[in-house]
Amino acid sequence: MRVASTIVFILSFVSLLISLKLFWNLGVFVDEHNLSTNVVSGSYFWSLMDWLRLLLLFLICVISGLNIFLAKKKS
């Protein structure tokens, strides 16, 4: 069980890092071309979905990280 929790944490953390880098690149592109994220993403809804994806990935990382450490204390 602990190995599975560790794998979930690592995968979610890598996914979060990739999403953060892509979001950073989106911000740089928007700044350089004087656009808004709504134009690049397609609409205000999809811009909000980008933020929601980052939030959900962060929450998955936190919850899976806590799961690893709380399982360690119980053993």
N, C-alpha and C. Protein backbone atom coordinates (compact mmCIF):
# COMPACT_ATOMS: atom_id res chain seq x y z
N MET A 1 0.82 -1.20 0.00
CA MET A 1 0.00 0.00 0.00
C MET A 1 0.87 1.26 0.00
N ARG A 2 1.96 1.22 0.75
CA ARG A 2 2.82 2.39 0.85
C ARG A 2 3.51 2.68 -0.49
N VAL A 3 3.85 1.63 -1.22
CA VAL A 3 4.49 1.81 -2.53
C VAL A 3 3.51 2.47 -3.49
N ALA A 4 2.27 2.04 -3.47
CA ALA A 4 1.25 2.63 -4.34
C ALA A 4 1.03 4.10 -3.99
N SER A 5 1.01 4.42 -2.71
CA SER A 5 0.84 5.82 -2.29
C SER A 5 2.01 6.67 -2.74
N THR A 6 3.20 6.12 -2.67
CA THR A 6 4.38 6.85 -3.09
C THR A 6 4.36 7.10 -4.60
N ILE A 7 3.95 6.09 -5.35
CA ILE A 7 3.86 6.24 -6.81
C ILE A 7 2.82 7.30 -7.17
N VAL A 8 1.67 7.29 -6.50
CA VAL A 8 0.63 8.29 -6.75
C VAL A 8 1.16 9.68 -6.43
N PHE A 9 1.88 9.82 -5.33
CA PHE A 9 2.44 11.12 -4.97
C PHE A 9 3.45 11.60 -6.01
N ILE A 10 4.34 10.73 -6.43
CA ILE A 10 5.37 11.13 -7.41
C ILE A 10 4.72 11.52 -8.73
N LEU A 11 3.77 10.73 -9.20
CA LEU A 11 3.11 11.04 -10.46
C LEU A 11 2.31 12.35 -10.39
N SER A 12 1.63 12.56 -9.27
CA SER A 12 0.86 13.80 -9.14
C SER A 12 1.79 15.01 -9.01
N PHE A 13 2.92 14.83 -8.35
CA PHE A 13 3.87 15.93 -8.21
C PHE A 13 4.50 16.28 -9.56
N VAL A 14 4.85 15.27 -10.34
CA VAL A 14 5.41 15.52 -11.68
C VAL A 14 4.37 16.19 -12.56
N SER A 15 3.12 15.74 -12.47
CA SER A 15 2.04 16.36 -13.24
C SER A 15 1.86 17.82 -12.85
N LEU A 16 1.95 18.11 -11.56
CA LEU A 16 1.84 19.49 -11.09
C LEU A 16 2.99 20.34 -11.63
N LEU A 17 4.19 19.82 -11.60
CA LEU A 17 5.34 20.57 -12.12
C LEU A 17 5.19 20.85 -13.61
N ILE A 18 4.75 19.86 -14.37
CA ILE A 18 4.55 20.06 -15.81
C ILE A 18 3.47 21.12 -16.05
N SER A 19 2.38 21.03 -15.32
CA SER A 19 1.29 22.01 -15.49
C SER A 19 1.73 23.41 -15.10
N LEU A 20 2.52 23.52 -14.04
CA LEU A 20 3.02 24.84 -13.64
C LEU A 20 3.93 25.43 -14.71
N LYS A 21 4.79 24.60 -15.29
CA LYS A 21 5.69 25.09 -16.35
C LYS A 21 4.89 25.52 -17.57
N LEU A 22 3.88 24.74 -17.97
CA LEU A 22 3.05 25.12 -19.10
C LEU A 22 2.27 26.40 -18.82
N PHE A 23 1.79 26.56 -17.59
CA PHE A 23 1.06 27.76 -17.21
C PHE A 23 1.99 28.97 -17.22
N TRP A 24 3.23 28.77 -16.77
CA TRP A 24 4.23 29.84 -16.80
C TRP A 24 4.50 30.26 -18.23
N ASN A 25 4.68 29.27 -19.12
CA ASN A 25 4.93 29.58 -20.53
C ASN A 25 3.75 30.30 -21.16
N LEU A 26 2.53 29.94 -20.77
CA LEU A 26 1.34 30.63 -21.24
C LEU A 26 1.38 32.10 -20.81
N GLY A 27 1.76 32.34 -19.57
CA GLY A 27 1.86 33.70 -19.07
C GLY A 27 2.91 34.52 -19.80
N VAL A 28 4.05 33.90 -20.11
CA VAL A 28 5.10 34.59 -20.85
C VAL A 28 4.61 34.93 -22.26
N PHE A 29 3.96 33.97 -22.92
CA PHE A 29 3.43 34.20 -24.27
C PHE A 29 2.41 35.33 -24.28
N VAL A 30 1.50 35.29 -23.31
CA VAL A 30 0.45 36.31 -23.22
C VAL A 30 1.07 37.69 -22.99
N ASP A 31 2.09 37.75 -22.16
CA ASP A 31 2.74 39.02 -21.87
C ASP A 31 3.48 39.56 -23.09
N GLU A 32 4.19 38.69 -23.80
CA GLU A 32 4.97 39.13 -24.96
C GLU A 32 4.11 39.58 -26.13
N HIS A 33 2.93 39.00 -26.28
CA HIS A 33 2.08 39.30 -27.43
C HIS A 33 0.89 40.20 -27.08
N ASN A 34 0.88 40.74 -25.86
CA ASN A 34 -0.17 41.65 -25.39
C ASN A 34 -1.57 41.06 -25.59
N LEU A 35 -1.73 39.81 -25.18
CA LEU A 35 -3.03 39.13 -25.25
C LEU A 35 -3.54 38.89 -23.85
N SER A 36 -4.66 38.24 -23.75
CA SER A 36 -5.15 37.80 -22.44
C SER A 36 -5.22 36.28 -22.45
N THR A 37 -5.25 35.70 -21.28
CA THR A 37 -5.33 34.24 -21.20
C THR A 37 -6.65 33.74 -21.78
N ASN A 38 -7.68 34.57 -21.73
CA ASN A 38 -8.97 34.17 -22.31
C ASN A 38 -8.86 33.96 -23.81
N VAL A 39 -8.09 34.80 -24.48
CA VAL A 39 -7.92 34.68 -25.93
C VAL A 39 -7.13 33.41 -26.25
N VAL A 40 -6.07 33.16 -25.52
CA VAL A 40 -5.21 32.02 -25.80
C VAL A 40 -5.91 30.71 -25.42
N SER A 41 -6.60 30.69 -24.29
CA SER A 41 -7.26 29.47 -23.83
C SER A 41 -8.55 29.18 -24.61
N GLY A 42 -9.15 30.17 -25.16
CA GLY A 42 -10.38 29.97 -25.92
C GLY A 42 -11.55 30.74 -25.36
N SER A 43 -11.63 30.85 -24.06
CA SER A 43 -12.70 31.61 -23.43
C SER A 43 -12.37 31.75 -21.94
N TYR A 44 -13.21 32.51 -21.27
CA TYR A 44 -13.05 32.71 -19.82
C TYR A 44 -13.21 31.38 -19.09
N PHE A 45 -14.13 30.54 -19.57
CA PHE A 45 -14.36 29.23 -18.94
C PHE A 45 -13.09 28.39 -18.95
N TRP A 46 -12.41 28.30 -20.09
CA TRP A 46 -11.22 27.47 -20.18
C TRP A 46 -10.05 28.07 -19.43
N SER A 47 -10.03 29.37 -19.30
CA SER A 47 -9.02 30.00 -18.46
C SER A 47 -9.23 29.60 -17.00
N LEU A 48 -10.48 29.57 -16.57
CA LEU A 48 -10.78 29.11 -15.21
C LEU A 48 -10.45 27.63 -15.04
N MET A 49 -10.64 26.84 -16.07
CA MET A 49 -10.31 25.41 -16.00
C MET A 49 -8.81 25.19 -15.84
N ASP A 50 -8.00 26.06 -16.42
CA ASP A 50 -6.54 25.98 -16.21
C ASP A 50 -6.20 26.19 -14.73
N TRP A 51 -6.83 27.19 -14.13
CA TRP A 51 -6.62 27.43 -12.69
C TRP A 51 -7.13 26.27 -11.85
N LEU A 52 -8.29 25.73 -12.24
CA LEU A 52 -8.86 24.60 -11.50
C LEU A 52 -7.96 23.38 -11.59
N ARG A 53 -7.37 23.13 -12.76
CA ARG A 53 -6.44 22.01 -12.92
C ARG A 53 -5.26 22.15 -11.97
N LEU A 54 -4.71 23.35 -11.87
CA LEU A 54 -3.58 23.57 -10.95
C LEU A 54 -3.99 23.34 -9.51
N LEU A 55 -5.17 23.83 -9.15
CA LEU A 55 -5.66 23.65 -7.78
C LEU A 55 -5.87 22.17 -7.46
N LEU A 56 -6.50 21.44 -8.37
CA LEU A 56 -6.77 20.02 -8.12
C LEU A 56 -5.47 19.21 -8.05
N LEU A 57 -4.53 19.50 -8.92
CA LEU A 57 -3.24 18.80 -8.84
C LEU A 57 -2.51 19.11 -7.55
N PHE A 58 -2.59 20.34 -7.09
CA PHE A 58 -1.98 20.70 -5.81
C PHE A 58 -2.64 19.94 -4.66
N LEU A 59 -3.97 19.88 -4.68
CA LEU A 59 -4.68 19.16 -3.62
C LEU A 59 -4.36 17.67 -3.63
N ILE A 60 -4.25 17.09 -4.83
CA ILE A 60 -3.88 15.67 -4.92
C ILE A 60 -2.49 15.44 -4.35
N CYS A 61 -1.57 16.35 -4.63
CA CYS A 61 -0.21 16.23 -4.08
C CYS A 61 -0.23 16.30 -2.55
N VAL A 62 -0.96 17.25 -2.03
CA VAL A 62 -1.02 17.41 -0.57
C VAL A 62 -1.67 16.19 0.08
N ILE A 63 -2.78 15.75 -0.45
CA ILE A 63 -3.49 14.61 0.15
C ILE A 63 -2.66 13.33 0.04
N SER A 64 -2.05 13.09 -1.12
CA SER A 64 -1.24 11.88 -1.25
C SER A 64 0.02 11.96 -0.40
N GLY A 65 0.59 13.15 -0.26
CA GLY A 65 1.75 13.31 0.62
C GLY A 65 1.39 13.07 2.07
N LEU A 66 0.25 13.59 2.50
CA LEU A 66 -0.21 13.34 3.87
C LEU A 66 -0.50 11.86 4.08
N ASN A 67 -1.04 11.21 3.07
CA ASN A 67 -1.35 9.79 3.16
C ASN A 67 -0.08 8.97 3.40
N ILE A 68 1.00 9.35 2.75
CA ILE A 68 2.27 8.63 2.93
C ILE A 68 2.77 8.80 4.36
N PHE A 69 2.77 10.04 4.87
CA PHE A 69 3.31 10.29 6.20
C PHE A 69 2.41 9.79 7.32
N LEU A 70 1.10 9.85 7.12
CA LEU A 70 0.19 9.33 8.16
C LEU A 70 0.22 7.81 8.19
N ALA A 71 0.40 7.17 7.06
CA ALA A 71 0.53 5.70 7.03
C ALA A 71 1.83 5.28 7.71
N LYS A 72 2.86 6.12 7.61
CA LYS A 72 4.14 5.81 8.25
C LYS A 72 4.01 5.87 9.77
N LYS A 73 3.24 6.82 10.29
CA LYS A 73 3.06 6.93 11.73
C LYS A 73 2.24 5.79 12.30
N LYS A 74 1.27 5.28 11.54
CA LYS A 74 0.41 4.20 12.01
C LYS A 74 1.15 2.88 12.09
N SER A 75 2.17 2.69 11.25
CA SER A 75 2.90 1.42 11.22
C SER A 75 3.79 1.25 12.42
